[in-house]
Amino acid sequence: MSKIVLPIYPLSLLWTCPNHLSRASLTLPPSCSTYPEWGSCSLGVFICLACSGIHRNFQSPAKVKSVRLSRWEDSEVQFMAENGNEVARSKYEAQVPVYYYKPTHKDCQVLKEQWIKAKYERLEFTVDRKPLLYEEGTREGPLMKRGRDNGQFLTRRFVLSEREGTLKYFTKTDAKEPKAIIKVDTINASFQPEKIGNPNGLQITYLKDFNTRNIFLYNESSKEIVDWFNSIRAVQLHYLKVAFPGASDVELKPKLTRNFLKEGYMEKTGPRQTEGFKKRWFTLDHRRLMYFKDPLDAFAKGEVFLGHKDLGYSASAGLPPNTHCNGTWQNGITIQTPDRSYLFTCETEVEQQDWLKHFNELINTKHPRHASSHWPL
């Protein structure tokens, strides 16, 4: 590799030099939201502005510099050139378990933060890594849970068991009988910091007596709540491997916890379509469109299943002629199922088109090959 003559450079001046920085060195990490314009001189990786703040907050702070504005020593440029993002990925992501959630730039801060720290600070995924705590088969500890009726967050003891395939919680630390027993094959878990009002807010959705039930949790420790999240995913993967022994990891991974496809307010009328339109909070969880009076309600008021178009399902813009629309929102959506039609209105045309895009993507997609009647598909 050729020697840099000048002792100090802004690193951006060398991006076009093939002797120094390859395209692989600058590969955008999935957790970065923009092109990487920062570099870690400690690790030899390029990162975005948001991730640079996480690197600076390591227990042993990383040396981070701006690619465009900072001055780089000859030795630092050489180090970046010899390493880069692809080399770092092969080292620090050598053994990432299938169940471990790898966030993208769209995910919340706590997921990105703990992913970066797990990789570079705790070295959880290197070749010579220690056994991971997510794979111990059981987990127990306190989490703050929102009360169903009073809305107050109180400490509850949670117990996750791979052997039993359950997540339990107890109202008192020394209680012998759990308040609830949740089967892991009905669980979805999704981080909801804005909805819950806490940066570490986690929503657990599961089936109880054939109804959708939500519980809202958080922990003051961002590591603790993300560890719970990945422990649940590890137990789910174990369950799936037992339930579907012939399925590959590629087939099973999408059946683990997933982000909701879309959430937001729409107005809805009743089955007779003569009732007034009422504002409801909607959550699209794969093929289930659930609606709630309030985003933090424990139970859905109802849900609409979105099947395949060949089975009589469709979604289109507009409302049927002569529909009495008493609401202030005029951007209508009609969902047709084999049993009935559902009418909604959106506040803006942009929202209407975004909901329709998600609905029609589902309606035009057939079910996966492996489907469990107990697994929320």
Protein backbone atom coordinates (compact mmCIF):
# COMPACT_ATOMS: atom_id res chain seq x y z
CA MET A 1 0.00 0.00 0.00
CA SER A 2 1.48 3.36 -1.01
CA LYS A 3 2.72 5.83 1.56
CA ILE A 4 0.76 9.05 2.19
CA VAL A 5 3.18 11.93 1.71
CA LEU A 6 1.37 14.63 3.69
CA PRO A 7 1.14 13.94 7.42
CA ILE A 8 -2.48 15.05 7.89
CA TYR A 9 -5.60 14.85 5.65
CA PRO A 10 -9.36 15.16 5.87
CA LEU A 11 -10.16 11.49 5.19
CA SER A 12 -12.72 12.43 2.51
CA LEU A 13 -9.86 13.47 0.22
CA LEU A 14 -8.75 9.82 0.10
CA TRP A 15 -12.12 8.21 -0.69
CA THR A 16 -11.33 8.21 -4.39
CA CYS A 17 -7.88 6.67 -3.91
CA PRO A 18 -8.04 2.90 -4.62
CA ASN A 19 -4.77 2.37 -2.81
CA HIS A 20 -6.28 3.43 0.46
CA LEU A 21 -10.04 2.98 0.89
CA SER A 22 -11.92 0.24 -0.93
CA ARG A 23 -15.66 0.21 -1.58
CA ALA A 24 -15.98 -2.61 0.99
CA SER A 25 -14.41 -0.35 3.62
CA LEU A 26 -17.24 2.13 3.19
CA THR A 27 -20.17 -0.32 3.13
CA LEU A 28 -23.09 1.28 4.96
CA PRO A 29 -23.91 -0.57 8.20
CA PRO A 30 -27.63 -1.52 8.39
CA SER A 31 -28.04 0.46 11.62
CA CYS A 32 -26.79 3.67 9.98
CA SER A 33 -29.40 6.08 8.61
CA THR A 34 -27.15 7.99 6.23
CA TYR A 35 -23.92 7.52 4.33
CA PRO A 36 -21.10 7.00 6.86
CA GLU A 37 -19.33 10.32 7.28
CA TRP A 38 -17.65 9.43 10.55
CA GLY A 39 -14.94 6.92 11.35
CA SER A 40 -13.85 5.06 14.47
CA CYS A 41 -10.06 5.18 14.64
CA SER A 42 -10.27 2.57 17.42
CA LEU A 43 -12.14 -0.07 15.39
CA GLY A 44 -11.42 0.92 11.80
CA VAL A 45 -15.09 1.25 10.81
CA PHE A 46 -17.11 3.97 9.09
CA ILE A 47 -20.34 5.04 10.76
CA CYS A 48 -23.11 7.62 10.51
CA LEU A 49 -23.58 10.60 12.82
CA ALA A 50 -26.20 8.86 15.00
CA CYS A 51 -24.03 5.79 15.56
CA SER A 52 -20.95 7.91 16.23
CA GLY A 53 -22.58 9.12 19.45
CA ILE A 54 -23.05 5.52 20.62
CA HIS A 55 -19.40 4.72 19.91
CA ARG A 56 -18.29 7.75 21.93
CA ASN A 57 -20.30 6.48 24.92
CA PHE A 58 -18.53 3.11 25.20
CA GLN A 59 -17.08 2.35 28.64
CA SER A 60 -13.71 2.86 26.99
CA PRO A 61 -14.70 5.66 24.59
CA ALA A 62 -13.81 5.06 20.95
CA LYS A 63 -11.83 7.67 19.09
CA VAL A 64 -14.29 9.00 16.50
CA LYS A 65 -13.54 11.55 13.79
CA SER A 66 -15.46 13.25 11.02
CA VAL A 67 -14.47 12.01 7.57
CA ARG A 68 -14.99 15.45 6.05
CA LEU A 69 -14.02 17.87 8.80
CA SER A 70 -11.44 16.23 11.04
CA ARG A 71 -7.74 15.95 10.33
CA TRP A 72 -6.43 12.40 10.08
CA GLU A 73 -2.90 11.22 10.86
CA ASP A 74 -1.11 9.03 8.34
CA SER A 75 -1.27 6.07 10.73
CA GLU A 76 -5.02 6.51 11.24
CA VAL A 77 -5.72 6.53 7.51
CA GLN A 78 -3.56 3.44 7.11
CA PHE A 79 -5.48 1.68 9.91
CA MET A 80 -8.87 2.52 8.33
CA ALA A 81 -7.64 1.28 4.96
CA GLU A 82 -6.41 -2.02 6.37
CA ASN A 83 -9.69 -2.63 8.21
CA GLY A 84 -13.00 -1.09 7.12
CA ASN A 85 -16.58 -2.26 7.59
CA GLU A 86 -16.38 -5.60 5.79
CA VAL A 87 -13.31 -6.69 7.75
CA ALA A 88 -14.95 -5.57 10.99
CA ARG A 89 -18.16 -7.41 10.12
CA SER A 90 -16.28 -10.67 9.54
CA LYS A 91 -14.68 -10.31 12.97
CA TYR A 92 -17.37 -8.79 15.18
CA GLU A 93 -20.37 -10.51 13.54
CA ALA A 94 -18.74 -13.91 13.02
CA GLN A 95 -21.35 -15.78 15.08
CA VAL A 96 -24.55 -13.78 15.37
CA PRO A 97 -27.34 -16.19 16.42
CA VAL A 98 -30.34 -16.51 14.12
CA TYR A 99 -32.69 -15.24 16.83
CA TYR A 100 -30.68 -12.10 17.66
CA TYR A 101 -32.41 -9.04 16.26
CA LYS A 102 -30.13 -7.00 13.99
CA PRO A 103 -31.64 -3.51 13.83
CA THR A 104 -31.82 -1.27 10.79
CA HIS A 105 -31.73 2.54 10.71
CA LYS A 106 -35.54 2.48 11.04
CA ASP A 107 -35.46 0.87 14.48
CA CYS A 108 -35.51 2.73 17.78
CA GLN A 109 -32.38 4.03 19.48
CA VAL A 110 -32.24 1.40 22.23
CA LEU A 111 -32.04 -1.48 19.73
CA LYS A 112 -29.29 0.19 17.71
CA GLU A 113 -27.36 1.14 20.83
CA GLN A 114 -27.38 -2.36 22.32
CA TRP A 115 -26.57 -4.01 18.98
CA ILE A 116 -23.49 -1.81 18.58
CA LYS A 117 -22.40 -2.37 22.18
CA ALA A 118 -22.98 -6.13 21.94
CA LYS A 119 -20.74 -6.24 18.87
CA TYR A 120 -17.88 -3.93 19.69
CA GLU A 121 -17.90 -3.52 23.48
CA ARG A 122 -19.08 -6.88 24.84
CA LEU A 123 -17.71 -8.91 21.87
CA GLU A 124 -20.74 -11.22 21.96
CA PHE A 125 -20.49 -12.47 18.39
CA THR A 126 -16.78 -13.10 17.80
CA VAL A 127 -15.41 -16.55 16.96
CA ASP A 128 -14.15 -17.13 20.51
CA ARG A 129 -17.23 -15.66 22.22
CA LYS A 130 -18.52 -16.86 25.56
CA PRO A 131 -21.93 -18.61 25.88
CA LEU A 132 -24.69 -16.06 25.48
CA LEU A 133 -27.14 -15.41 28.32
CA TYR A 134 -30.04 -15.41 25.82
CA GLU A 135 -29.49 -19.14 25.33
CA GLU A 136 -29.67 -20.18 28.98
CA GLY A 137 -33.26 -21.39 28.51
CA THR A 138 -34.67 -19.34 31.38
CA ARG A 139 -34.73 -15.72 32.48
CA GLU A 140 -36.20 -14.07 35.55
CA GLY A 141 -36.35 -10.49 36.79
CA PRO A 142 -38.41 -7.36 37.41
CA LEU A 143 -40.00 -5.26 34.69
CA MET A 144 -42.27 -2.26 34.97
CA LYS A 145 -45.74 -3.18 33.66
CA ARG A 146 -48.60 -0.82 32.87
CA GLY A 147 -51.82 -1.60 34.71
CA ARG A 148 -54.73 -2.54 32.47
CA ASP A 149 -57.29 -0.36 34.26
CA ASN A 150 -55.43 2.42 36.07
CA GLY A 151 -52.59 2.98 33.60
CA GLN A 152 -49.94 3.01 36.35
CA PHE A 153 -46.60 1.27 35.84
CA LEU A 154 -45.77 -1.11 38.69
CA THR A 155 -42.95 -3.61 39.22
CA ARG A 156 -43.80 -7.16 38.25
CA ARG A 157 -41.66 -10.29 38.34
CA PHE A 158 -41.36 -11.98 34.94
CA VAL A 159 -40.17 -15.54 34.29
CA LEU A 160 -39.33 -16.89 30.83
CA SER A 161 -39.00 -20.67 30.44
CA GLU A 162 -37.80 -22.51 27.35
CA ARG A 163 -38.74 -25.89 28.85
CA GLU A 164 -42.34 -24.81 29.46
CA GLY A 165 -42.52 -22.53 26.42
CA THR A 166 -44.04 -19.77 28.54
CA LEU A 167 -43.61 -16.21 29.77
CA LYS A 168 -45.19 -15.67 33.20
CA TYR A 169 -45.55 -12.63 35.38
CA PHE A 170 -46.29 -12.32 39.09
CA THR A 171 -47.85 -9.36 40.89
CA LYS A 172 -45.62 -9.84 43.95
CA THR A 173 -41.99 -10.88 44.19
CA ASP A 174 -42.77 -13.83 46.47
CA ALA A 175 -46.04 -14.85 44.78
CA LYS A 176 -46.32 -18.55 44.00
CA GLU A 177 -49.09 -18.33 41.43
CA PRO A 178 -48.57 -16.22 38.29
CA LYS A 179 -51.01 -13.51 37.31
CA ALA A 180 -50.72 -14.64 33.68
CA ILE A 181 -49.16 -17.49 31.72
CA ILE A 182 -48.34 -16.53 28.13
CA LYS A 183 -47.44 -19.17 25.55
CA VAL A 184 -44.38 -18.09 23.56
CA ASP A 185 -45.94 -19.33 20.33
CA THR A 186 -48.56 -16.56 20.58
CA ILE A 187 -46.17 -13.72 21.49
CA ASN A 188 -45.12 -10.78 19.42
CA ALA A 189 -42.79 -8.21 20.96
CA SER A 190 -42.15 -4.77 19.52
CA PHE A 191 -40.33 -1.74 20.89
CA GLN A 192 -42.71 1.22 21.24
CA PRO A 193 -40.85 4.07 22.97
CA GLU A 194 -43.13 6.85 21.72
CA LYS A 195 -46.38 5.03 22.42
CA ILE A 196 -45.33 3.92 25.91
CA GLY A 197 -43.57 7.18 26.73
CA ASN A 198 -40.27 5.57 27.72
CA PRO A 199 -37.17 5.08 25.54
CA ASN A 200 -37.02 1.45 26.69
CA GLY A 201 -40.73 0.74 26.15
CA LEU A 202 -41.60 -2.78 24.93
CA GLN A 203 -45.06 -3.95 23.85
CA ILE A 204 -45.93 -7.63 24.24
CA THR A 205 -48.89 -8.82 22.16
CA TYR A 206 -50.31 -12.32 22.61
CA LEU A 207 -53.50 -14.34 22.31
CA LYS A 208 -55.67 -14.84 25.38
CA ASP A 209 -58.86 -16.86 24.97
CA PHE A 210 -58.68 -16.18 21.21
CA ASN A 211 -58.50 -12.43 21.83
CA THR A 212 -55.53 -10.15 21.28
CA ARG A 213 -54.01 -8.89 24.55
CA ASN A 214 -51.39 -6.15 24.92
CA ILE A 215 -49.11 -5.51 27.86
CA PHE A 216 -46.74 -2.55 27.99
CA LEU A 217 -43.37 -2.84 29.73
CA TYR A 218 -40.13 -1.02 30.31
CA ASN A 219 -36.96 -1.28 32.33
CA GLU A 220 -34.67 1.59 33.29
CA SER A 221 -31.74 -0.38 31.87
CA SER A 222 -31.66 -0.40 28.07
CA LYS A 223 -29.46 -3.50 28.12
CA GLU A 224 -31.90 -5.35 30.38
CA ILE A 225 -34.95 -4.72 28.19
CA VAL A 226 -33.11 -5.65 24.97
CA ASP A 227 -31.78 -8.79 26.67
CA TRP A 228 -35.36 -9.77 27.53
CA PHE A 229 -36.38 -9.11 23.93
CA ASN A 230 -33.68 -11.36 22.48
CA SER A 231 -34.22 -14.03 25.14
CA ILE A 232 -37.87 -14.25 24.06
CA ARG A 233 -36.75 -14.61 20.45
CA ALA A 234 -34.30 -17.38 21.44
CA VAL A 235 -37.06 -19.33 23.19
CA GLN A 236 -39.35 -18.83 20.20
CA LEU A 237 -36.72 -20.20 17.83
CA HIS A 238 -36.30 -23.27 20.05
CA TYR A 239 -40.07 -23.82 19.96
CA LEU A 240 -40.16 -23.46 16.18
CA LYS A 241 -37.32 -25.92 15.63
CA VAL A 242 -39.24 -28.49 17.66
CA ALA A 243 -42.56 -27.71 15.94
CA PHE A 244 -41.08 -27.62 12.41
CA PRO A 245 -38.03 -29.92 12.44
CA GLY A 246 -37.65 -29.81 8.66
CA ALA A 247 -37.71 -26.02 8.34
CA SER A 248 -34.54 -24.04 7.71
CA ASP A 249 -33.41 -21.02 9.72
CA VAL A 250 -34.31 -18.81 6.76
CA GLU A 251 -37.90 -20.08 6.93
CA LEU A 252 -38.17 -19.82 10.72
CA LYS A 253 -36.59 -16.41 11.29
CA PRO A 254 -39.58 -14.40 9.92
CA LYS A 255 -41.83 -16.20 12.43
CA LEU A 256 -40.00 -14.64 15.38
CA THR A 257 -41.04 -11.30 16.84
CA ARG A 258 -41.59 -8.63 14.22
CA ASN A 259 -42.33 -4.95 13.98
CA PHE A 260 -45.86 -3.94 13.18
CA LEU A 261 -46.27 -3.12 9.51
CA LYS A 262 -48.10 0.10 10.30
CA GLU A 263 -49.89 1.87 13.14
CA GLY A 264 -51.98 5.02 13.30
CA TYR A 265 -55.42 6.55 13.52
CA MET A 266 -58.27 5.97 11.08
CA GLU A 267 -62.01 6.43 11.43
CA LYS A 268 -64.29 3.39 11.22
CA THR A 269 -67.99 2.74 10.94
CA GLY A 270 -69.92 -0.32 12.15
CA PRO A 271 -71.16 -3.43 10.31
CA ARG A 272 -74.48 -1.84 9.27
CA GLN A 273 -72.49 1.08 7.81
CA THR A 274 -75.14 3.48 9.04
CA GLU A 275 -73.41 4.24 12.35
CA GLY A 276 -71.22 7.27 12.67
CA PHE A 277 -67.52 7.03 11.89
CA LYS A 278 -65.42 6.88 15.08
CA LYS A 279 -61.73 7.54 15.49
CA ARG A 280 -59.78 4.40 16.40
CA TRP A 281 -56.12 3.42 16.75
CA PHE A 282 -55.17 0.73 14.20
CA THR A 283 -52.31 -1.76 14.30
CA LEU A 284 -51.43 -3.89 11.29
CA ASP A 285 -49.64 -7.01 12.54
CA HIS A 286 -49.00 -9.08 9.43
CA ARG A 287 -52.49 -10.16 8.28
CA ARG A 288 -54.33 -8.91 11.36
CA LEU A 289 -55.66 -5.37 11.31
CA MET A 290 -56.57 -4.64 14.94
CA TYR A 291 -58.32 -1.54 16.21
CA PHE A 292 -58.36 0.03 19.67
CA LYS A 293 -60.12 2.97 21.30
CA ASP A 294 -56.75 4.08 22.69
CA PRO A 295 -53.20 3.09 21.62
CA LEU A 296 -52.49 1.72 25.12
CA ASP A 297 -55.63 -0.38 25.46
CA ALA A 298 -55.08 -3.89 26.76
CA PHE A 299 -57.58 -5.52 24.39
CA ALA A 300 -58.48 -4.82 20.78
CA LYS A 301 -62.08 -3.83 20.16
CA GLY A 302 -61.97 -5.95 17.02
CA GLU A 303 -59.80 -7.10 14.18
CA VAL A 304 -59.98 -7.74 10.45
CA PHE A 305 -58.15 -10.64 8.85
CA LEU A 306 -56.60 -9.90 5.46
CA GLY A 307 -56.53 -13.03 3.31
CA HIS A 308 -55.39 -13.60 -0.27
CA LYS A 309 -57.17 -11.97 -3.20
CA ASP A 310 -58.09 -15.37 -4.66
CA LEU A 311 -60.19 -15.97 -1.53
CA GLY A 312 -62.29 -12.85 -1.99
CA TYR A 313 -60.24 -10.18 -0.21
CA SER A 314 -59.59 -6.74 -1.66
CA ALA A 315 -58.72 -3.19 -0.58
CA SER A 316 -59.53 -0.09 -2.59
CA ALA A 317 -59.67 3.68 -2.24
CA GLY A 318 -63.04 5.33 -1.66
CA LEU A 319 -66.33 4.42 -0.01
CA PRO A 320 -69.45 2.85 -1.54
CA PRO A 321 -71.98 5.30 -3.07
CA ASN A 322 -74.44 6.89 -0.63
CA THR A 323 -72.23 6.13 2.39
CA HIS A 324 -73.08 8.58 5.13
CA CYS A 325 -69.70 9.94 6.23
CA ASN A 326 -70.23 12.11 9.30
CA GLY A 327 -66.54 12.40 10.19
CA THR A 328 -64.11 15.12 9.24
CA TRP A 329 -61.83 12.73 7.36
CA GLN A 330 -62.80 12.15 3.74
CA ASN A 331 -60.10 9.85 2.35
CA GLY A 332 -61.95 6.55 2.33
CA ILE A 333 -60.80 2.92 2.21
CA THR A 334 -62.99 -0.12 1.59
CA ILE A 335 -61.77 -3.58 2.59
CA GLN A 336 -63.80 -6.42 1.16
CA THR A 337 -63.73 -9.87 2.82
CA PRO A 338 -65.78 -13.00 2.01
CA ASP A 339 -68.13 -12.12 4.90
CA ARG A 340 -68.55 -8.34 4.75
CA SER A 341 -67.00 -5.02 3.83
CA TYR A 342 -65.19 -2.65 6.21
CA LEU A 343 -65.18 1.11 5.73
CA PHE A 344 -62.47 3.46 6.99
CA THR A 345 -61.44 7.06 6.45
CA CYS A 346 -57.97 8.62 6.76
CA GLU A 347 -56.99 12.16 7.68
CA THR A 348 -54.86 12.68 4.55
CA GLU A 349 -54.50 11.17 1.11
CA VAL A 350 -50.89 10.29 1.95
CA GLU A 351 -52.06 8.19 4.90
CA GLN A 352 -54.77 6.60 2.79
CA GLN A 353 -52.30 5.55 0.10
CA ASP A 354 -49.81 4.21 2.67
CA TRP A 355 -52.45 2.05 4.36
CA LEU A 356 -53.62 0.79 0.95
CA LYS A 357 -50.07 -0.08 -0.05
CA HIS A 358 -49.67 -2.30 3.03
CA PHE A 359 -53.13 -3.86 2.67
CA ASN A 360 -52.63 -4.78 -0.98
CA GLU A 361 -49.13 -6.13 -0.44
CA LEU A 362 -50.64 -8.61 2.02
CA ILE A 363 -53.70 -9.40 -0.07
CA ASN A 364 -51.52 -10.10 -3.11
CA THR A 365 -49.18 -12.39 -1.15
CA LYS A 366 -50.00 -16.01 -0.45
CA HIS A 367 -49.48 -17.61 2.95
CA PRO A 368 -46.03 -19.03 3.78
CA ARG A 369 -45.48 -22.74 3.29
CA HIS A 370 -45.08 -23.44 7.00
CA ALA A 371 -47.99 -22.11 9.01
CA SER A 372 -49.02 -22.99 12.52
CA SER A 373 -52.60 -22.49 13.64
CA HIS A 374 -51.19 -21.31 16.99
CA TRP A 375 -48.54 -19.00 15.58
CA PRO A 376 -49.64 -15.42 14.82
CA LEU A 377 -49.14 -15.24 11.06
